[in-house]
Amino acid sequence: MPAWESLSERTQDIYRELGTRNPKIIKKLKTKHLESAIRESQFVGYDDGGAYDWLIFEYERRKGQKNWRLGFAGVMVGIIGVIVAVIALYSGT
């Protein structure tokens, strides 16, 4: 596995931690470390196995989770804006 040997120690650690399938350990991984591991894996050529697919899955799961949170926050801000506008409209009369 020359591609594995070419990966940095941090990227190898990320693959090992993902391989445990332990949610508590995986939750501690930072998304920016996952991004750098993806880039490094593609550069080195370690992007054709199951471990890489798991890395991509975890990254996309987090990205999707973030998008849902941002969408929910946007909806809440919109609802609050409408309520404030209605209150301002009726209190000005």
PDB file of N, CA and C in Angstrom:
ATOM      1  N   MET A   1       0.811  -1.184   0.000  1.00  0.00           N
ATOM      2  CA  MET A   1       0.000   0.000   0.000  1.00  0.00           C
ATOM      3  C   MET A   1       0.858   1.253   0.000  1.00  0.00           C
ATOM      4  N   PRO A   2       1.452   1.581  -1.105  1.00  0.00           N
ATOM      5  CA  PRO A   2       2.280   2.781  -1.154  1.00  0.00           C
ATOM      6  C   PRO A   2       1.467   4.059  -0.964  1.00  0.00           C
ATOM      7  N   ALA A   3       0.193   4.064  -1.380  1.00  0.00           N
ATOM      8  CA  ALA A   3      -0.626   5.262  -1.208  1.00  0.00           C
ATOM      9  C   ALA A   3      -0.877   5.527   0.273  1.00  0.00           C
ATOM     10  N   TRP A   4      -1.097   4.466   1.036  1.00  0.00           N
ATOM     11  CA  TRP A   4      -1.317   4.621   2.486  1.00  0.00           C
ATOM     12  C   TRP A   4      -0.077   5.196   3.150  1.00  0.00           C
ATOM     13  N   GLU A   5       1.068   4.725   2.731  1.00  0.00           N
ATOM     14  CA  GLU A   5       2.330   5.206   3.306  1.00  0.00           C
ATOM     15  C   GLU A   5       2.565   6.677   2.980  1.00  0.00           C
ATOM     16  N   SER A   6       2.003   7.154   1.884  1.00  0.00           N
ATOM     17  CA  SER A   6       2.212   8.533   1.463  1.00  0.00           C
ATOM     18  C   SER A   6       1.316   9.525   2.211  1.00  0.00           C
ATOM     19  N   LEU A   7       0.280   9.021   2.863  1.00  0.00           N
ATOM     20  CA  LEU A   7      -0.621   9.903   3.598  1.00  0.00           C
ATOM     21  C   LEU A   7       0.062  10.422   4.858  1.00  0.00           C
ATOM     22  N   SER A   8      -0.324  11.624   5.256  1.00  0.00           N
ATOM     23  CA  SER A   8       0.228  12.184   6.487  1.00  0.00           C
ATOM     24  C   SER A   8      -0.306  11.416   7.691  1.00  0.00           C
ATOM     25  N   GLU A   9       0.341  11.592   8.806  1.00  0.00           N
ATOM     26  CA  GLU A   9      -0.057  10.891  10.031  1.00  0.00           C
ATOM     27  C   GLU A   9      -1.472  11.317  10.453  1.00  0.00           C
ATOM     28  N   ARG A  10      -1.791  12.592  10.301  1.00  0.00           N
ATOM     29  CA  ARG A  10      -3.122  13.083  10.687  1.00  0.00           C
ATOM     30  C   ARG A  10      -4.201  12.435   9.833  1.00  0.00           C
ATOM     31  N   THR A  11      -3.964  12.319   8.536  1.00  0.00           N
ATOM     32  CA  THR A  11      -4.954  11.693   7.650  1.00  0.00           C
ATOM     33  C   THR A  11      -5.106  10.220   7.970  1.00  0.00           C
ATOM     34  N   GLN A  12      -4.010   9.540   8.254  1.00  0.00           N
ATOM     35  CA  GLN A  12      -4.097   8.136   8.657  1.00  0.00           C
ATOM     36  C   GLN A  12      -4.893   7.989   9.947  1.00  0.00           C
ATOM     37  N   ASP A  13      -4.704   8.927  10.882  1.00  0.00           N
ATOM     38  CA  ASP A  13      -5.465   8.894  12.133  1.00  0.00           C
ATOM     39  C   ASP A  13      -6.959   9.083  11.870  1.00  0.00           C
ATOM     40  N   ILE A  14      -7.294   9.961  10.940  1.00  0.00           N
ATOM     41  CA  ILE A  14      -8.704  10.180  10.615  1.00  0.00           C
ATOM     42  C   ILE A  14      -9.320   8.903  10.065  1.00  0.00           C
ATOM     43  N   TYR A  15      -8.611   8.217   9.177  1.00  0.00           N
ATOM     44  CA  TYR A  15      -9.117   6.949   8.638  1.00  0.00           C
ATOM     45  C   TYR A  15      -9.273   5.910   9.744  1.00  0.00           C
ATOM     46  N   ARG A  16      -8.320   5.855  10.665  1.00  0.00           N
ATOM     47  CA  ARG A  16      -8.414   4.887  11.774  1.00  0.00           C
ATOM     48  C   ARG A  16      -9.611   5.201  12.663  1.00  0.00           C
ATOM     49  N   GLU A  17      -9.812   6.498  12.962  1.00  0.00           N
ATOM     50  CA  GLU A  17     -10.915   6.887  13.830  1.00  0.00           C
ATOM     51  C   GLU A  17     -12.266   6.644  13.162  1.00  0.00           C
ATOM     52  N   LEU A  18     -12.356   6.882  11.859  1.00  0.00           N
ATOM     53  CA  LEU A  18     -13.585   6.562  11.150  1.00  0.00           C
ATOM     54  C   LEU A  18     -13.821   5.058  11.115  1.00  0.00           C
ATOM     55  N   GLY A  19     -12.747   4.299  11.049  1.00  0.00           N
ATOM     56  CA  GLY A  19     -12.844   2.846  10.989  1.00  0.00           C
ATOM     57  C   GLY A  19     -13.371   2.224  12.265  1.00  0.00           C
ATOM     58  N   THR A  20     -13.287   2.944  13.385  1.00  0.00           N
ATOM     59  CA  THR A  20     -13.821   2.404  14.638  1.00  0.00           C
ATOM     60  C   THR A  20     -15.338   2.356  14.622  1.00  0.00           C
ATOM     61  N   ARG A  21     -15.968   3.197  13.805  1.00  0.00           N
ATOM     62  CA  ARG A  21     -17.425   3.312  13.718  1.00  0.00           C
ATOM     63  C   ARG A  21     -18.040   3.725  15.059  1.00  0.00           C
ATOM     64  N   ASN A  22     -17.222   4.301  15.937  1.00  0.00           N
ATOM     65  CA  ASN A  22     -17.681   4.760  17.238  1.00  0.00           C
ATOM     66  C   ASN A  22     -18.175   6.204  17.101  1.00  0.00           C
ATOM     67  N   PRO A  23     -19.467   6.458  17.311  1.00  0.00           N
ATOM     68  CA  PRO A  23     -20.002   7.805  17.113  1.00  0.00           C
ATOM     69  C   PRO A  23     -19.338   8.869  17.991  1.00  0.00           C
ATOM     70  N   LYS A  24     -18.941   8.498  19.189  1.00  0.00           N
ATOM     71  CA  LYS A  24     -18.306   9.478  20.077  1.00  0.00           C
ATOM     72  C   LYS A  24     -16.955   9.921  19.529  1.00  0.00           C
ATOM     73  N   ILE A  25     -16.209   9.003  18.956  1.00  0.00           N
ATOM     74  CA  ILE A  25     -14.899   9.334  18.383  1.00  0.00           C
ATOM     75  C   ILE A  25     -15.079  10.120  17.089  1.00  0.00           C
ATOM     76  N   ILE A  26     -16.011   9.694  16.261  1.00  0.00           N
ATOM     77  CA  ILE A  26     -16.242  10.351  14.975  1.00  0.00           C
ATOM     78  C   ILE A  26     -16.737  11.780  15.185  1.00  0.00           C
ATOM     79  N   LYS A  27     -17.554  11.980  16.214  1.00  0.00           N
ATOM     80  CA  LYS A  27     -18.091  13.307  16.490  1.00  0.00           C
ATOM     81  C   LYS A  27     -16.992  14.302  16.853  1.00  0.00           C
ATOM     82  N   LYS A  28     -15.887  13.825  17.407  1.00  0.00           N
ATOM     83  CA  LYS A  28     -14.787  14.698  17.811  1.00  0.00           C
ATOM     84  C   LYS A  28     -13.944  15.177  16.632  1.00  0.00           C
ATOM     85  N   LEU A  29     -14.066  14.506  15.490  1.00  0.00           N
ATOM     86  CA  LEU A  29     -13.302  14.916  14.307  1.00  0.00           C
ATOM     87  C   LEU A  29     -13.832  16.248  13.791  1.00  0.00           C
ATOM     88  N   LYS A  30     -12.931  17.130  13.435  1.00  0.00           N
ATOM     89  CA  LYS A  30     -13.334  18.424  12.908  1.00  0.00           C
ATOM     90  C   LYS A  30     -13.568  18.315  11.406  1.00  0.00           C
ATOM     91  N   THR A  31     -14.545  19.050  10.930  1.00  0.00           N
ATOM     92  CA  THR A  31     -14.904  19.002   9.517  1.00  0.00           C
ATOM     93  C   THR A  31     -13.752  19.487   8.640  1.00  0.00           C
ATOM     94  N   LYS A  32     -13.008  20.487   9.101  1.00  0.00           N
ATOM     95  CA  LYS A  32     -11.882  20.968   8.290  1.00  0.00           C
ATOM     96  C   LYS A  32     -10.810  19.894   8.158  1.00  0.00           C
ATOM     97  N   HIS A  33     -10.659  19.030   9.163  1.00  0.00           N
ATOM     98  CA  HIS A  33      -9.704  17.921   9.052  1.00  0.00           C
ATOM     99  C   HIS A  33     -10.203  16.890   8.045  1.00  0.00           C
ATOM    100  N   LEU A  34     -11.529  16.681   8.023  1.00  0.00           N
ATOM    101  CA  LEU A  34     -12.087  15.764   7.029  1.00  0.00           C
ATOM    102  C   LEU A  34     -11.853  16.304   5.621  1.00  0.00           C
ATOM    103  N   GLU A  35     -12.046  17.612   5.442  1.00  0.00           N
ATOM    104  CA  GLU A  35     -11.821  18.225   4.128  1.00  0.00           C
ATOM    105  C   GLU A  35     -10.378  18.070   3.683  1.00  0.00           C
ATOM    106  N   SER A  36      -9.441  18.322   4.596  1.00  0.00           N
ATOM    107  CA  SER A  36      -8.029  18.201   4.216  1.00  0.00           C
ATOM    108  C   SER A  36      -7.663  16.743   3.942  1.00  0.00           C
ATOM    109  N   ALA A  37      -8.276  15.816   4.672  1.00  0.00           N
ATOM    110  CA  ALA A  37      -8.016  14.396   4.421  1.00  0.00           C
ATOM    111  C   ALA A  37      -8.543  13.984   3.046  1.00  0.00           C
ATOM    112  N   ILE A  38      -9.679  14.521   2.659  1.00  0.00           N
ATOM    113  CA  ILE A  38     -10.234  14.222   1.332  1.00  0.00           C
ATOM    114  C   ILE A  38      -9.298  14.736   0.247  1.00  0.00           C
ATOM    115  N   ARG A  39      -8.854  15.991   0.401  1.00  0.00           N
ATOM    116  CA  ARG A  39      -7.942  16.566  -0.601  1.00  0.00           C
ATOM    117  C   ARG A  39      -6.649  15.774  -0.692  1.00  0.00           C
ATOM    118  N   GLU A  40      -6.086  15.447   0.465  1.00  0.00           N
ATOM    119  CA  GLU A  40      -4.812  14.720   0.473  1.00  0.00           C
ATOM    120  C   GLU A  40      -4.979  13.328  -0.120  1.00  0.00           C
ATOM    121  N   SER A  41      -6.090  12.665   0.185  1.00  0.00           N
ATOM    122  CA  SER A  41      -6.333  11.320  -0.351  1.00  0.00           C
ATOM    123  C   SER A  41      -6.447  11.347  -1.865  1.00  0.00           C
ATOM    124  N   GLN A  42      -7.107  12.365  -2.386  1.00  0.00           N
ATOM    125  CA  GLN A  42      -7.228  12.485  -3.837  1.00  0.00           C
ATOM    126  C   GLN A  42      -5.874  12.768  -4.471  1.00  0.00           C
ATOM    127  N   PHE A  43      -5.084  13.597  -3.823  1.00  0.00           N
ATOM    128  CA  PHE A  43      -3.770  13.951  -4.361  1.00  0.00           C
ATOM    129  C   PHE A  43      -2.843  12.740  -4.395  1.00  0.00           C
ATOM    130  N   VAL A  44      -2.875  11.946  -3.342  1.00  0.00           N
ATOM    131  CA  VAL A  44      -1.976  10.797  -3.220  1.00  0.00           C
ATOM    132  C   VAL A  44      -2.475   9.613  -4.052  1.00  0.00           C
ATOM    133  N   GLY A  45      -3.788   9.558  -4.301  1.00  0.00           N
ATOM    134  CA  GLY A  45      -4.344   8.443  -5.057  1.00  0.00           C
ATOM    135  C   GLY A  45      -4.974   7.393  -4.169  1.00  0.00           C
ATOM    136  N   TYR A  46      -5.342   7.768  -2.962  1.00  0.00           N
ATOM    137  CA  TYR A  46      -5.968   6.833  -2.024  1.00  0.00           C
ATOM    138  C   TYR A  46      -7.475   7.078  -2.001  1.00  0.00           C
ATOM    139  N   ASP A  47      -8.072   7.227  -3.175  1.00  0.00           N
ATOM    140  CA  ASP A  47      -9.484   7.600  -3.249  1.00  0.00           C
ATOM    141  C   ASP A  47     -10.338   6.572  -3.985  1.00  0.00           C
ATOM    142  N   ASP A  48      -9.982   5.305  -3.890  1.00  0.00           N
ATOM    143  CA  ASP A  48     -10.751   4.300  -4.612  1.00  0.00           C
ATOM    144  C   ASP A  48     -11.190   3.136  -3.736  1.00  0.00           C
ATOM    145  N   GLY A  49     -11.214   3.312  -2.432  1.00  0.00           N
ATOM    146  CA  GLY A  49     -11.584   2.208  -1.556  1.00  0.00           C
ATOM    147  C   GLY A  49     -12.746   2.549  -0.638  1.00  0.00           C
ATOM    148  N   GLY A  50     -13.100   1.570   0.168  1.00  0.00           N
ATOM    149  CA  GLY A  50     -14.204   1.741   1.102  1.00  0.00           C
ATOM    150  C   GLY A  50     -13.931   2.773   2.169  1.00  0.00           C
ATOM    151  N   ALA A  51     -12.683   2.867   2.601  1.00  0.00           N
ATOM    152  CA  ALA A  51     -12.345   3.843   3.645  1.00  0.00           C
ATOM    153  C   ALA A  51     -12.565   5.270   3.126  1.00  0.00           C
ATOM    154  N   TYR A  52     -12.199   5.505   1.895  1.00  0.00           N
ATOM    155  CA  TYR A  52     -12.405   6.829   1.303  1.00  0.00           C
ATOM    156  C   TYR A  52     -13.903   7.113   1.153  1.00  0.00           C
ATOM    157  N   ASP A  53     -14.678   6.113   0.783  1.00  0.00           N
ATOM    158  CA  ASP A  53     -16.129   6.289   0.659  1.00  0.00           C
ATOM    159  C   ASP A  53     -16.743   6.651   2.008  1.00  0.00           C
ATOM    160  N   TRP A  54     -16.242   6.039   3.070  1.00  0.00           N
ATOM    161  CA  TRP A  54     -16.742   6.350   4.410  1.00  0.00           C
ATOM    162  C   TRP A  54     -16.384   7.791   4.786  1.00  0.00           C
ATOM    163  N   LEU A  55     -15.198   8.220   4.412  1.00  0.00           N
ATOM    164  CA  LEU A  55     -14.769   9.596   4.667  1.00  0.00           C
ATOM    165  C   LEU A  55     -15.685  10.581   3.935  1.00  0.00           C
ATOM    166  N   ILE A  56     -15.984  10.316   2.682  1.00  0.00           N
ATOM    167  CA  ILE A  56     -16.881  11.164   1.896  1.00  0.00           C
ATOM    168  C   ILE A  56     -18.287  11.163   2.504  1.00  0.00           C
ATOM    169  N   PHE A  57     -18.758   9.989   2.928  1.00  0.00           N
ATOM    170  CA  PHE A  57     -20.082   9.889   3.536  1.00  0.00           C
ATOM    171  C   PHE A  57     -20.181  10.765   4.780  1.00  0.00           C
ATOM    172  N   GLU A  58     -19.175  10.690   5.642  1.00  0.00           N
ATOM    173  CA  GLU A  58     -19.189  11.480   6.879  1.00  0.00           C
ATOM    174  C   GLU A  58     -19.143  12.974   6.575  1.00  0.00           C
ATOM    175  N   TYR A  59     -18.334  13.369   5.611  1.00  0.00           N
ATOM    176  CA  TYR A  59     -18.245  14.783   5.234  1.00  0.00           C
ATOM    177  C   TYR A  59     -19.581  15.285   4.682  1.00  0.00           C
ATOM    178  N   GLU A  60     -20.194  14.528   3.784  1.00  0.00           N
ATOM    179  CA  GLU A  60     -21.463  14.945   3.198  1.00  0.00           C
ATOM    180  C   GLU A  60     -22.589  14.940   4.226  1.00  0.00           C
ATOM    181  N   ARG A  61     -22.536  14.017   5.185  1.00  0.00           N
ATOM    182  CA  ARG A  61     -23.534  13.989   6.249  1.00  0.00           C
ATOM    183  C   ARG A  61     -23.457  15.269   7.071  1.00  0.00           C
ATOM    184  N   ARG A  62     -22.253  15.680   7.422  1.00  0.00           N
ATOM    185  CA  ARG A  62     -22.076  16.916   8.195  1.00  0.00           C
ATOM    186  C   ARG A  62     -22.487  18.140   7.402  1.00  0.00           C
ATOM    187  N   LYS A  63     -22.150  18.143   6.119  1.00  0.00           N
ATOM    188  CA  LYS A  63     -22.499  19.281   5.269  1.00  0.00           C
ATOM    189  C   LYS A  63     -24.017  19.394   5.155  1.00  0.00           C
ATOM    190  N   GLY A  64     -24.696  18.263   4.996  1.00  0.00           N
ATOM    191  CA  GLY A  64     -26.153  18.258   4.928  1.00  0.00           C
ATOM    192  C   GLY A  64     -26.786  18.714   6.230  1.00  0.00           C
ATOM    193  N   GLN A  65     -26.204  18.283   7.330  1.00  0.00           N
ATOM    194  CA  GLN A  65     -26.695  18.685   8.648  1.00  0.00           C
ATOM    195  C   GLN A  65     -26.565  20.199   8.827  1.00  0.00           C
ATOM    196  N   LYS A  66     -25.460  20.747   8.382  1.00  0.00           N
ATOM    197  CA  LYS A  66     -25.226  22.191   8.484  1.00  0.00           C
ATOM    198  C   LYS A  66     -26.238  22.944   7.630  1.00  0.00           C
ATOM    199  N   ASN A  67     -26.506  22.454   6.434  1.00  0.00           N
ATOM    200  CA  ASN A  67     -27.460  23.117   5.550  1.00  0.00           C
ATOM    201  C   ASN A  67     -28.859  23.118   6.151  1.00  0.00           C
ATOM    202  N   TRP A  68     -29.254  22.016   6.793  1.00  0.00           N
ATOM    203  CA  TRP A  68     -30.558  21.965   7.445  1.00  0.00           C
ATOM    204  C   TRP A  68     -30.643  22.982   8.569  1.00  0.00           C
ATOM    205  N   ARG A  69     -29.586  23.098   9.353  1.00  0.00           N
ATOM    206  CA  ARG A  69     -29.584  24.066  10.460  1.00  0.00           C
ATOM    207  C   ARG A  69     -29.683  25.489   9.935  1.00  0.00           C
ATOM    208  N   LEU A  70     -28.918  25.791   8.892  1.00  0.00           N
ATOM    209  CA  LEU A  70     -28.975  27.133   8.318  1.00  0.00           C
ATOM    210  C   LEU A  70     -30.347  27.424   7.716  1.00  0.00           C
ATOM    211  N   GLY A  71     -30.939  26.446   7.080  1.00  0.00           N
ATOM    212  CA  GLY A  71     -32.274  26.616   6.512  1.00  0.00           C
ATOM    213  C   GLY A  71     -33.318  26.858   7.585  1.00  0.00           C
ATOM    214  N   PHE A  72     -33.245  26.105   8.657  1.00  0.00           N
ATOM    215  CA  PHE A  72     -34.177  26.274   9.766  1.00  0.00           C
ATOM    216  C   PHE A  72     -34.018  27.653  10.392  1.00  0.00           C
ATOM    217  N   ALA A  73     -32.768  28.083  10.585  1.00  0.00           N
ATOM    218  CA  ALA A  73     -32.519  29.412  11.151  1.00  0.00           C
ATOM    219  C   ALA A  73     -33.073  30.495  10.219  1.00  0.00           C
ATOM    220  N   GLY A  74     -32.923  30.329   8.921  1.00  0.00           N
ATOM    221  CA  GLY A  74     -33.461  31.291   7.965  1.00  0.00           C
ATOM    222  C   GLY A  74     -34.973  31.378   8.020  1.00  0.00           C
ATOM    223  N   VAL A  75     -35.626  30.238   8.155  1.00  0.00           N
ATOM    224  CA  VAL A  75     -37.084  30.218   8.262  1.00  0.00           C
ATOM    225  C   VAL A  75     -37.529  30.921   9.538  1.00  0.00           C
ATOM    226  N   MET A  76     -36.838  30.648  10.632  1.00  0.00           N
ATOM    227  CA  MET A  76     -37.190  31.284  11.909  1.00  0.00           C
ATOM    228  C   MET A  76     -37.032  32.804  11.822  1.00  0.00           C
ATOM    229  N   VAL A  77     -35.952  33.270  11.220  1.00  0.00           N
ATOM    230  CA  VAL A  77     -35.743  34.716  11.063  1.00  0.00           C
ATOM    231  C   VAL A  77     -36.852  35.313  10.201  1.00  0.00           C
ATOM    232  N   GLY A  78     -37.244  34.622   9.155  1.00  0.00           N
ATOM    233  CA  GLY A  78     -38.333  35.092   8.298  1.00  0.00           C
ATOM    234  C   GLY A  78     -39.654  35.179   9.046  1.00  0.00           C
ATOM    235  N   ILE A  79     -39.974  34.170   9.831  1.00  0.00           N
ATOM    236  CA  ILE A  79     -41.218  34.169  10.605  1.00  0.00           C
ATOM    237  C   ILE A  79     -41.219  35.309  11.622  1.00  0.00           C
ATOM    238  N   ILE A  80     -40.101  35.478  12.302  1.00  0.00           N
ATOM    239  CA  ILE A  80     -40.004  36.563  13.282  1.00  0.00           C
ATOM    240  C   ILE A  80     -40.141  37.917  12.587  1.00  0.00           C
ATOM    241  N   GLY A  81     -39.558  38.056  11.412  1.00  0.00           N
ATOM    242  CA  GLY A  81     -39.679  39.299  10.649  1.00  0.00           C
ATOM    243  C   GLY A  81     -41.123  39.598  10.281  1.00  0.00           C
ATOM    244  N   VAL A  82     -41.859  38.589   9.872  1.00  0.00           N
ATOM    245  CA  VAL A  82     -43.269  38.778   9.519  1.00  0.00           C
ATOM    246  C   VAL A  82     -44.066  39.168  10.758  1.00  0.00           C
ATOM    247  N   ILE A  83     -43.826  38.508  11.866  1.00  0.00           N
ATOM    248  CA  ILE A  83     -44.544  38.835  13.116  1.00  0.00           C
ATOM    249  C   ILE A  83     -44.252  40.268  13.540  1.00  0.00           C
ATOM    250  N   VAL A  84     -43.006  40.677  13.483  1.00  0.00           N
ATOM    251  CA  VAL A  84     -42.638  42.047  13.861  1.00  0.00           C
ATOM    252  C   VAL A  84     -43.301  43.047  12.921  1.00  0.00           C
ATOM    253  N   ALA A  85     -43.344  42.749  11.619  1.00  0.00           N
ATOM    254  CA  ALA A  85     -43.976  43.652  10.658  1.00  0.00           C
ATOM    255  C   ALA A  85     -45.465  43.774  10.920  1.00  0.00           C
ATOM    256  N   VAL A  86     -46.113  42.663  11.245  1.00  0.00           N
ATOM    257  CA  VAL A  86     -47.558  42.697  11.532  1.00  0.00           C
ATOM    258  C   VAL A  86     -47.814  43.490  12.799  1.00  0.00           C
ATOM    259  N   ILE A  87     -47.021  43.271  13.819  1.00  0.00           N
ATOM    260  CA  ILE A  87     -47.179  44.025  15.078  1.00  0.00           C
ATOM    261  C   ILE A  87     -46.958  45.500  14.844  1.00  0.00           C
ATOM    262  N   ALA A  88     -45.939  45.850  14.079  1.00  0.00           N
ATOM    263  CA  ALA A  88     -45.656  47.251  13.793  1.00  0.00           C
ATOM    264  C   ALA A  88     -46.788  47.886  12.979  1.00  0.00           C
ATOM    265  N   LEU A  89     -47.370  47.126  12.081  1.00  0.00           N
ATOM    266  CA  LEU A  89     -48.458  47.615  11.254  1.00  0.00           C
ATOM    267  C   LEU A  89     -49.695  47.935  12.083  1.00  0.00           C
ATOM    268  N   TYR A  90     -50.045  47.007  12.983  1.00  0.00           N
ATOM    269  CA  TYR A  90     -51.235  47.197  13.791  1.00  0.00           C
ATOM    270  C   TYR A  90     -51.039  48.138  14.970  1.00  0.00           C
ATOM    271  N   SER A  91     -49.824  48.271  15.448  1.00  0.00           N
ATOM    272  CA  SER A  91     -49.602  49.191  16.572  1.00  0.00           C
ATOM    273  C   SER A  91     -49.470  50.634  16.108  1.00  0.00           C
ATOM    274  N   GLY A  92     -49.205  50.857  14.839  1.00  0.00           N
ATOM    275  CA  GLY A  92     -49.075  52.196  14.304  1.00  0.00           C
ATOM    276  C   GLY A  92     -50.412  52.839  13.995  1.00  0.00           C
ATOM    277  N   THR A  93     -51.472  52.069  14.007  1.00  0.00           N
ATOM    278  CA  THR A  93     -52.782  52.603  13.658  1.00  0.00           C
ATOM    279  C   THR A  93     -53.468  53.259  14.801  1.00  0.00           C
TER     280      THR A  93
END
